[in-house]
Amino acid sequence: MLVMKNIMLVACMAILALFLVGAGQAESIEAAIDNDCYPNPGTLTVPAGQTATNFALQVLSAGVNCYTGAAIEDKGWFIAIGDANGKRVYEYSYNVALSGEGKKQEPYGPLSALSLNQGDYVIYVDGGKGAHVLADYALI
């Protein structure tokens, strides 16, 4: 009976290990604009043989105008290949009209559908001093 319980325990642990390996490694990316109004971009490297997927936005906050200190309502962020001038693979913007109504745009498709192959990517946030973006993803 004890041998059977041990076998069951080992089998359950093996199955759990397979699920964890298949789920991918949890990672985060973030970017900000510092108090001197300089961008602090984030980087994302997808190793050979892996894919970055399952992206989920955790935080996107706008900051203040670098010159007047006025609060900024518009905010956005993007992921580009290589550097800020590279081809954009994801972009998000939220713009507030004078009426106070906000409009979200994702011209390259939803973040949840983003899948990045091997390569180097850069992440930038827009929205003034103190702007910040944080997103999670998985490497599989």
C-alpha atoms as a PDB file:
ATOM      1  CA  MET A   1       0.000   0.000   0.000  1.00  0.00           C
ATOM      2  CA  LEU A   2       2.816   2.430   0.893  1.00  0.00           C
ATOM      3  CA  VAL A   3       4.614   1.616  -2.358  1.00  0.00           C
ATOM      4  CA  MET A   4       1.458   2.392  -4.318  1.00  0.00           C
ATOM      5  CA  LYS A   5       1.073   5.788  -2.551  1.00  0.00           C
ATOM      6  CA  ASN A   6       4.700   6.647  -3.328  1.00  0.00           C
ATOM      7  CA  ILE A   7       4.224   5.741  -6.984  1.00  0.00           C
ATOM      8  CA  MET A   8       1.105   7.921  -7.151  1.00  0.00           C
ATOM      9  CA  LEU A   9       2.945  10.817  -5.515  1.00  0.00           C
ATOM     10  CA  VAL A  10       5.837  10.584  -7.982  1.00  0.00           C
ATOM     11  CA  ALA A  11       3.405  10.370 -10.917  1.00  0.00           C
ATOM     12  CA  CYS A  12       1.493  13.446  -9.726  1.00  0.00           C
ATOM     13  CA  MET A  13       4.724  15.407  -9.287  1.00  0.00           C
ATOM     14  CA  ALA A  14       5.863  14.434 -12.796  1.00  0.00           C
ATOM     15  CA  ILE A  15       2.568  15.580 -14.316  1.00  0.00           C
ATOM     16  CA  LEU A  16       2.731  18.879 -12.399  1.00  0.00           C
ATOM     17  CA  ALA A  17       6.298  19.436 -13.611  1.00  0.00           C
ATOM     18  CA  LEU A  18       5.169  18.954 -17.221  1.00  0.00           C
ATOM     19  CA  PHE A  19       2.411  21.541 -16.775  1.00  0.00           C
ATOM     20  CA  LEU A  20       4.827  24.043 -15.268  1.00  0.00           C
ATOM     21  CA  VAL A  21       7.385  23.595 -18.050  1.00  0.00           C
ATOM     22  CA  GLY A  22       4.679  23.957 -20.705  1.00  0.00           C
ATOM     23  CA  ALA A  23       3.317  27.137 -19.113  1.00  0.00           C
ATOM     24  CA  GLY A  24       6.460  29.102 -19.931  1.00  0.00           C
ATOM     25  CA  GLN A  25       8.620  31.320 -17.822  1.00  0.00           C
ATOM     26  CA  ALA A  26       6.906  34.441 -16.433  1.00  0.00           C
ATOM     27  CA  GLU A  27       8.698  37.675 -17.306  1.00  0.00           C
ATOM     28  CA  SER A  28       8.029  41.429 -17.079  1.00  0.00           C
ATOM     29  CA  ILE A  29       8.900  44.450 -19.161  1.00  0.00           C
ATOM     30  CA  GLU A  30       8.698  48.062 -18.104  1.00  0.00           C
ATOM     31  CA  ALA A  31       9.617  51.548 -19.193  1.00  0.00           C
ATOM     32  CA  ALA A  32       9.324  54.985 -17.603  1.00  0.00           C
ATOM     33  CA  ILE A  33      10.059  58.670 -18.004  1.00  0.00           C
ATOM     34  CA  ASP A  34      12.218  59.936 -15.152  1.00  0.00           C
ATOM     35  CA  ASN A  35      11.960  63.168 -13.128  1.00  0.00           C
ATOM     36  CA  ASP A  36      14.322  64.923 -15.551  1.00  0.00           C
ATOM     37  CA  CYS A  37      11.947  63.990 -18.413  1.00  0.00           C
ATOM     38  CA  TYR A  38      14.358  61.478 -19.926  1.00  0.00           C
ATOM     39  CA  PRO A  39      12.930  58.224 -21.235  1.00  0.00           C
ATOM     40  CA  ASN A  40      14.106  55.023 -19.563  1.00  0.00           C
ATOM     41  CA  PRO A  41      13.188  52.412 -22.145  1.00  0.00           C
ATOM     42  CA  GLY A  42      12.900  48.760 -21.322  1.00  0.00           C
ATOM     43  CA  THR A  43      14.369  45.909 -23.310  1.00  0.00           C
ATOM     44  CA  LEU A  44      13.089  42.488 -24.148  1.00  0.00           C
ATOM     45  CA  THR A  45      15.274  39.757 -25.617  1.00  0.00           C
ATOM     46  CA  VAL A  46      13.612  36.637 -26.960  1.00  0.00           C
ATOM     47  CA  PRO A  47      16.211  33.848 -27.048  1.00  0.00           C
ATOM     48  CA  ALA A  48      16.636  31.484 -29.992  1.00  0.00           C
ATOM     49  CA  GLY A  49      14.040  28.758 -30.008  1.00  0.00           C
ATOM     50  CA  GLN A  50      11.599  30.656 -27.797  1.00  0.00           C
ATOM     51  CA  THR A  51       8.594  32.928 -28.284  1.00  0.00           C
ATOM     52  CA  ALA A  52       7.305  35.755 -26.089  1.00  0.00           C
ATOM     53  CA  THR A  53       3.540  35.459 -25.718  1.00  0.00           C
ATOM     54  CA  ASN A  54       0.650  35.826 -23.257  1.00  0.00           C
ATOM     55  CA  PHE A  55       1.273  39.562 -22.834  1.00  0.00           C
ATOM     56  CA  ALA A  56      -0.836  41.339 -20.219  1.00  0.00           C
ATOM     57  CA  LEU A  57      -0.720  45.018 -19.248  1.00  0.00           C
ATOM     58  CA  GLN A  58      -0.337  45.500 -15.488  1.00  0.00           C
ATOM     59  CA  VAL A  59       0.256  49.266 -15.174  1.00  0.00           C
ATOM     60  CA  LEU A  60       0.029  52.208 -17.548  1.00  0.00           C
ATOM     61  CA  SER A  61       0.129  55.606 -15.909  1.00  0.00           C
ATOM     62  CA  ALA A  62       0.578  59.041 -17.385  1.00  0.00           C
ATOM     63  CA  GLY A  63       2.722  61.637 -15.691  1.00  0.00           C
ATOM     64  CA  VAL A  64       2.875  65.405 -15.816  1.00  0.00           C
ATOM     65  CA  ASN A  65       3.962  67.927 -18.417  1.00  0.00           C
ATOM     66  CA  CYS A  66       7.732  68.369 -18.232  1.00  0.00           C
ATOM     67  CA  TYR A  67       7.490  72.181 -18.438  1.00  0.00           C
ATOM     68  CA  THR A  68       4.248  73.173 -16.724  1.00  0.00           C
ATOM     69  CA  GLY A  69       3.763  70.296 -14.292  1.00  0.00           C
ATOM     70  CA  ALA A  70       0.148  69.949 -15.436  1.00  0.00           C
ATOM     71  CA  ALA A  71      -1.345  66.459 -15.287  1.00  0.00           C
ATOM     72  CA  ILE A  72      -1.425  64.575 -18.582  1.00  0.00           C
ATOM     73  CA  GLU A  73      -4.430  62.430 -19.404  1.00  0.00           C
ATOM     74  CA  ASP A  74      -3.162  60.993 -22.694  1.00  0.00           C
ATOM     75  CA  LYS A  75      -0.878  57.992 -22.390  1.00  0.00           C
ATOM     76  CA  GLY A  76       0.604  55.262 -24.494  1.00  0.00           C
ATOM     77  CA  TRP A  77       3.423  52.829 -25.054  1.00  0.00           C
ATOM     78  CA  PHE A  78       4.990  50.740 -27.791  1.00  0.00           C
ATOM     79  CA  ILE A  79       7.291  47.823 -28.510  1.00  0.00           C
ATOM     80  CA  ALA A  80       9.679  48.119 -31.456  1.00  0.00           C
ATOM     81  CA  ILE A  81      12.279  45.850 -33.005  1.00  0.00           C
ATOM     82  CA  GLY A  82      15.841  46.792 -32.040  1.00  0.00           C
ATOM     83  CA  ASP A  83      15.506  50.451 -31.012  1.00  0.00           C
ATOM     84  CA  ALA A  84      13.021  53.329 -30.881  1.00  0.00           C
ATOM     85  CA  ASN A  85      13.322  53.814 -34.651  1.00  0.00           C
ATOM     86  CA  GLY A  86      12.718  50.145 -35.425  1.00  0.00           C
ATOM     87  CA  LYS A  87       9.523  48.680 -36.789  1.00  0.00           C
ATOM     88  CA  ARG A  88       6.762  48.822 -34.200  1.00  0.00           C
ATOM     89  CA  VAL A  89       5.189  45.471 -33.403  1.00  0.00           C
ATOM     90  CA  TYR A  90       2.774  46.746 -30.773  1.00  0.00           C
ATOM     91  CA  GLU A  91       1.391  50.175 -29.914  1.00  0.00           C
ATOM     92  CA  TYR A  92      -1.227  51.392 -27.479  1.00  0.00           C
ATOM     93  CA  SER A  93      -2.551  54.909 -27.079  1.00  0.00           C
ATOM     94  CA  TYR A  94      -5.262  56.394 -24.939  1.00  0.00           C
ATOM     95  CA  ASN A  95      -6.274  59.907 -25.915  1.00  0.00           C
ATOM     96  CA  VAL A  96      -8.739  62.086 -24.043  1.00  0.00           C
ATOM     97  CA  ALA A  97     -10.814  64.566 -26.076  1.00  0.00           C
ATOM     98  CA  LEU A  98     -11.796  68.006 -24.800  1.00  0.00           C
ATOM     99  CA  SER A  99     -15.189  66.518 -23.966  1.00  0.00           C
ATOM    100  CA  GLY A 100     -13.431  64.246 -21.464  1.00  0.00           C
ATOM    101  CA  GLU A 101     -14.170  61.114 -23.447  1.00  0.00           C
ATOM    102  CA  GLY A 102     -11.209  58.743 -23.842  1.00  0.00           C
ATOM    103  CA  LYS A 103     -10.399  56.599 -26.853  1.00  0.00           C
ATOM    104  CA  LYS A 104      -8.149  53.533 -26.823  1.00  0.00           C
ATOM    105  CA  GLN A 105      -6.238  52.504 -29.943  1.00  0.00           C
ATOM    106  CA  GLU A 106      -4.144  49.429 -30.689  1.00  0.00           C
ATOM    107  CA  PRO A 107      -3.285  49.806 -34.396  1.00  0.00           C
ATOM    108  CA  TYR A 108      -1.272  46.563 -34.595  1.00  0.00           C
ATOM    109  CA  GLY A 109      -3.870  44.458 -32.812  1.00  0.00           C
ATOM    110  CA  PRO A 110      -4.592  43.587 -29.178  1.00  0.00           C
ATOM    111  CA  LEU A 111      -1.759  42.997 -26.726  1.00  0.00           C
ATOM    112  CA  SER A 112      -3.195  39.587 -25.843  1.00  0.00           C
ATOM    113  CA  ALA A 113      -2.580  38.428 -29.437  1.00  0.00           C
ATOM    114  CA  LEU A 114       1.047  39.626 -29.574  1.00  0.00           C
ATOM    115  CA  SER A 115       3.653  36.933 -30.176  1.00  0.00           C
ATOM    116  CA  LEU A 116       7.331  37.848 -30.605  1.00  0.00           C
ATOM    117  CA  ASN A 117       9.948  35.596 -32.156  1.00  0.00           C
ATOM    118  CA  GLN A 118      13.682  35.525 -31.460  1.00  0.00           C
ATOM    119  CA  GLY A 119      15.208  38.999 -31.364  1.00  0.00           C
ATOM    120  CA  ASP A 120      15.797  42.187 -29.416  1.00  0.00           C
ATOM    121  CA  TYR A 121      12.971  44.611 -28.724  1.00  0.00           C
ATOM    122  CA  VAL A 122      12.668  47.964 -26.957  1.00  0.00           C
ATOM    123  CA  ILE A 123       9.758  49.332 -24.928  1.00  0.00           C
ATOM    124  CA  TYR A 124       8.921  53.031 -24.600  1.00  0.00           C
ATOM    125  CA  VAL A 125       6.189  54.831 -22.679  1.00  0.00           C
ATOM    126  CA  ASP A 126       4.606  58.170 -23.541  1.00  0.00           C
ATOM    127  CA  GLY A 127       2.810  60.462 -21.124  1.00  0.00           C
ATOM    128  CA  GLY A 128       5.192  62.963 -19.543  1.00  0.00           C
ATOM    129  CA  LYS A 129       7.407  63.004 -16.483  1.00  0.00           C
ATOM    130  CA  GLY A 130       6.576  60.075 -14.228  1.00  0.00           C
ATOM    131  CA  ALA A 131       4.838  58.009 -16.928  1.00  0.00           C
ATOM    132  CA  HIS A 132       5.238  54.272 -16.392  1.00  0.00           C
ATOM    133  CA  VAL A 133       4.308  51.032 -18.115  1.00  0.00           C
ATOM    134  CA  LEU A 134       4.597  47.475 -16.813  1.00  0.00           C
ATOM    135  CA  ALA A 135       3.496  44.359 -18.682  1.00  0.00           C
ATOM    136  CA  ASP A 136       3.923  40.654 -18.102  1.00  0.00           C
ATOM    137  CA  TYR A 137       4.578  37.964 -20.698  1.00  0.00           C
ATOM    138  CA  ALA A 138       5.745  34.384 -20.941  1.00  0.00           C
ATOM    139  CA  LEU A 139       8.676  32.844 -22.752  1.00  0.00           C
ATOM    140  CA  ILE A 140       7.743  29.505 -24.237  1.00  0.00           C
END
